[in-house]
Amino acid sequence: MGTAQLITLVILAAIALYAILLYNGLVTLKHNVGRAWSNIDVLLKQRHDELPKLVETCKQYMQFEQQTLEKVMQARAAVFSAQTAHNVPALSAAEGALRGSLGNLFAVVEAYPELKASDTFKTLQARISGLENAIADRREFYNDSVNINNVRIEQFPDVVIARLFSFKPFDLLKFEASETADVNIKTLFS
């Protein structure tokens, strides 16, 4: 084997090794997005299980606020539907509606001192608030993972491997405009 052939073989081996490293890096990024989504999914399921308990607790005290409770349950159903379909854009919209209806529910609770004093209500409210914070943290992690994946599959030379092996971009879990806008406290208590 001549020197030229050896150099060619070494160059081809280096290119193959580099392509393998790029491919493995893209696979890792894809699985990181999946893991980040799974983290959100677990928290959404936990919250999904807690909301009926909260609504039932509120029903005991809030006989005249059925519309508020129904909105929470409708929003819960929309989140569950989008979540099970893995429809990230629909989930973003449903999450906004659920957060709004929960905000209204907690504002209406102010008119019911016995409910506010209930240990069951306090525990459920704290649990749901904690889950909301955890979901927000996990959403940030998910969006970071999606962004890293989406950028890498568009950058050269990764784009060559990404197109060759059909790596696809993921949708960001976006904040609704209502979630990022300032809250109008006056409307909550009117």
Protein backbone atom coordinates (compact mmCIF):
# COMPACT_ATOMS: atom_id res chain seq x y z
CA MET A 1 0.00 0.00 0.00
CA GLY A 2 1.42 3.31 -1.07
CA THR A 3 1.57 6.53 0.89
CA ALA A 4 -1.12 8.17 -1.24
CA GLN A 5 -3.50 5.28 -0.63
CA LEU A 6 -2.82 5.35 3.11
CA ILE A 7 -3.46 9.09 3.26
CA THR A 8 -6.70 8.63 1.28
CA LEU A 9 -7.78 5.84 3.62
CA VAL A 10 -7.03 7.95 6.70
CA ILE A 11 -8.96 10.91 5.25
CA LEU A 12 -11.96 8.70 4.41
CA ALA A 13 -11.87 7.17 7.89
CA ALA A 14 -11.74 10.65 9.46
CA ILE A 15 -14.70 11.80 7.35
CA ALA A 16 -16.69 8.67 8.28
CA LEU A 17 -15.86 9.15 11.97
CA TYR A 18 -16.90 12.80 11.79
CA ALA A 19 -20.21 11.88 10.09
CA ILE A 20 -20.86 9.27 12.80
CA LEU A 21 -20.17 11.85 15.51
CA LEU A 22 -22.54 14.34 13.85
CA TYR A 23 -25.25 11.69 13.52
CA ASN A 24 -24.88 10.60 17.15
CA GLY A 25 -25.01 14.23 18.29
CA LEU A 26 -28.26 14.79 16.39
CA VAL A 27 -29.76 11.61 17.83
CA THR A 28 -28.86 12.79 21.33
CA LEU A 29 -30.53 16.15 20.69
CA LYS A 30 -33.68 14.46 19.37
CA HIS A 31 -33.88 12.27 22.46
CA ASN A 32 -33.28 15.25 24.74
CA VAL A 33 -36.37 16.90 23.25
CA GLY A 34 -38.33 13.70 23.83
CA ARG A 35 -37.13 13.50 27.43
CA ALA A 36 -37.99 17.16 28.01
CA TRP A 37 -41.48 16.54 26.62
CA SER A 38 -41.87 13.51 28.90
CA ASN A 39 -41.06 15.70 31.90
CA ILE A 40 -43.84 18.10 30.92
CA ASP A 41 -46.19 15.21 30.19
CA VAL A 42 -45.77 13.78 33.71
CA LEU A 43 -46.53 17.14 35.32
CA LEU A 44 -49.54 17.74 33.07
CA LYS A 45 -50.94 14.35 34.05
CA GLN A 46 -50.42 15.11 37.74
CA ARG A 47 -52.19 18.45 37.38
CA HIS A 48 -54.92 16.76 35.31
CA ASP A 49 -55.55 14.43 38.26
CA GLU A 50 -55.59 17.27 40.83
CA LEU A 51 -58.03 19.59 39.05
CA PRO A 52 -61.18 17.48 39.58
CA LYS A 53 -60.36 17.32 43.30
CA LEU A 54 -60.09 21.10 43.39
CA VAL A 55 -63.37 21.55 41.50
CA GLU A 56 -65.18 19.10 43.80
CA THR A 57 -63.86 20.90 46.87
CA CYS A 58 -65.00 24.22 45.44
CA LYS A 59 -68.45 22.85 44.54
CA GLN A 60 -69.12 22.23 48.23
CA TYR A 61 -68.83 25.96 48.91
CA MET A 62 -69.54 27.69 45.60
CA GLN A 63 -73.05 26.63 44.62
CA PHE A 64 -73.58 29.73 42.47
CA GLU A 65 -70.29 29.65 40.57
CA GLN A 66 -70.90 26.66 38.30
CA GLN A 67 -69.83 28.54 35.17
CA THR A 68 -66.37 29.22 36.65
CA LEU A 69 -65.96 25.57 37.60
CA GLU A 70 -67.17 24.38 34.19
CA LYS A 71 -64.60 26.59 32.44
CA VAL A 72 -61.83 24.98 34.47
CA MET A 73 -63.02 21.50 33.52
CA GLN A 74 -63.43 22.43 29.84
CA ALA A 75 -59.93 23.88 29.75
CA ARG A 76 -58.63 20.76 31.53
CA ALA A 77 -60.23 18.59 28.83
CA ALA A 78 -58.68 20.72 26.06
CA VAL A 79 -55.22 20.39 27.62
CA PHE A 80 -55.65 16.63 27.96
CA SER A 81 -56.78 16.30 24.35
CA ALA A 82 -53.83 18.33 23.01
CA GLN A 83 -51.43 16.51 25.31
CA THR A 84 -52.52 13.02 24.25
CA ALA A 85 -52.34 14.06 20.58
CA HIS A 86 -48.85 15.56 21.14
CA ASN A 87 -50.15 18.69 19.43
CA VAL A 88 -47.78 21.33 20.79
CA PRO A 89 -49.49 24.39 19.21
CA ALA A 90 -52.92 23.27 20.51
CA LEU A 91 -51.39 22.55 23.90
CA SER A 92 -50.00 26.08 24.04
CA ALA A 93 -53.46 27.55 23.43
CA ALA A 94 -55.17 25.14 25.84
CA GLU A 95 -52.63 25.89 28.56
CA GLY A 96 -53.38 29.60 28.21
CA ALA A 97 -57.10 28.94 28.60
CA LEU A 98 -56.52 26.70 31.61
CA ARG A 99 -54.28 29.22 33.34
CA GLY A 100 -56.89 31.91 32.75
CA SER A 101 -59.74 29.81 34.11
CA LEU A 102 -57.67 28.80 37.16
CA GLY A 103 -56.83 32.46 37.75
CA ASN A 104 -60.52 33.31 37.63
CA LEU A 105 -61.35 30.43 39.97
CA PHE A 106 -58.79 31.55 42.53
CA ALA A 107 -60.08 35.13 42.26
CA VAL A 108 -63.70 33.99 42.82
CA VAL A 109 -62.58 31.96 45.85
CA GLU A 110 -61.83 35.27 47.57
CA ALA A 111 -65.59 35.71 48.03
CA TYR A 112 -65.84 32.43 49.97
CA PRO A 113 -63.97 32.70 53.30
CA GLU A 114 -64.98 29.19 54.41
CA LEU A 115 -63.50 27.73 51.22
CA LYS A 116 -60.31 29.77 51.56
CA ALA A 117 -59.96 28.46 55.12
CA SER A 118 -60.50 24.82 54.12
CA ASP A 119 -57.38 22.71 54.60
CA THR A 120 -58.30 20.58 51.60
CA PHE A 121 -58.58 23.67 49.39
CA LYS A 122 -55.31 25.12 50.69
CA THR A 123 -53.50 21.83 50.05
CA LEU A 124 -54.91 21.49 46.53
CA GLN A 125 -54.22 25.13 45.70
CA ALA A 126 -50.61 24.78 46.88
CA ARG A 127 -50.19 21.52 44.97
CA ILE A 128 -51.59 22.97 41.73
CA SER A 129 -49.54 26.15 42.11
CA GLY A 130 -46.44 24.03 42.62
CA LEU A 131 -47.26 21.99 39.53
CA GLU A 132 -47.82 25.20 37.53
CA ASN A 133 -44.35 26.43 38.53
CA ALA A 134 -42.80 23.06 37.68
CA ILE A 135 -44.57 23.02 34.30
CA ALA A 136 -43.22 26.50 33.55
CA ASP A 137 -39.69 25.35 34.42
CA ARG A 138 -40.02 22.21 32.32
CA ARG A 139 -41.48 24.20 29.44
CA GLU A 140 -38.40 26.40 29.49
CA PHE A 141 -36.16 23.31 29.44
CA TYR A 142 -38.23 21.79 26.62
CA ASN A 143 -38.03 24.98 24.55
CA ASP A 144 -34.26 25.16 25.09
CA SER A 145 -33.93 21.54 23.93
CA VAL A 146 -36.11 22.23 20.89
CA ASN A 147 -34.15 25.34 20.02
CA ILE A 148 -30.79 23.55 20.22
CA ASN A 149 -32.13 20.70 18.06
CA ASN A 150 -33.69 23.04 15.49
CA VAL A 151 -30.56 25.17 15.17
CA ARG A 152 -28.26 22.16 14.83
CA ILE A 153 -30.29 20.51 12.07
CA GLU A 154 -30.05 23.73 10.05
CA GLN A 155 -26.32 24.35 10.54
CA PHE A 156 -23.67 23.11 8.18
CA PRO A 157 -22.40 20.35 8.20
CA ASP A 158 -25.13 18.93 10.48
CA VAL A 159 -27.80 19.83 7.91
CA VAL A 160 -26.33 17.26 5.51
CA ILE A 161 -26.68 14.43 8.03
CA ALA A 162 -30.07 15.77 9.25
CA ARG A 163 -31.53 15.75 5.74
CA LEU A 164 -29.95 12.42 4.86
CA PHE A 165 -31.54 10.76 7.91
CA SER A 166 -34.77 12.84 7.98
CA PHE A 167 -34.25 14.66 11.28
CA LYS A 168 -37.17 17.06 11.72
CA PRO A 169 -37.59 20.28 13.70
CA PHE A 170 -39.85 20.34 16.76
CA ASP A 171 -42.46 22.96 17.67
CA LEU A 172 -41.77 25.30 20.57
CA LEU A 173 -44.25 25.31 23.43
CA LYS A 174 -45.06 29.01 23.14
CA PHE A 175 -46.50 31.40 25.65
CA GLU A 176 -49.87 32.81 24.71
CA ALA A 177 -50.07 36.59 24.56
CA SER A 178 -52.47 36.50 27.51
CA GLU A 179 -49.83 34.74 29.63
CA THR A 180 -47.14 37.32 28.98
CA ALA A 181 -49.39 40.39 29.27
CA ASP A 182 -49.86 42.26 32.52
CA VAL A 183 -52.80 41.02 34.55
CA ASN A 184 -55.73 43.42 34.85
CA ILE A 185 -56.62 42.94 38.51
CA LYS A 186 -59.80 44.99 38.12
CA THR A 187 -61.32 42.43 35.74
CA LEU A 188 -60.57 39.56 38.13
CA PHE A 189 -62.68 41.09 40.88
CA SER A 190 -65.54 42.56 38.87
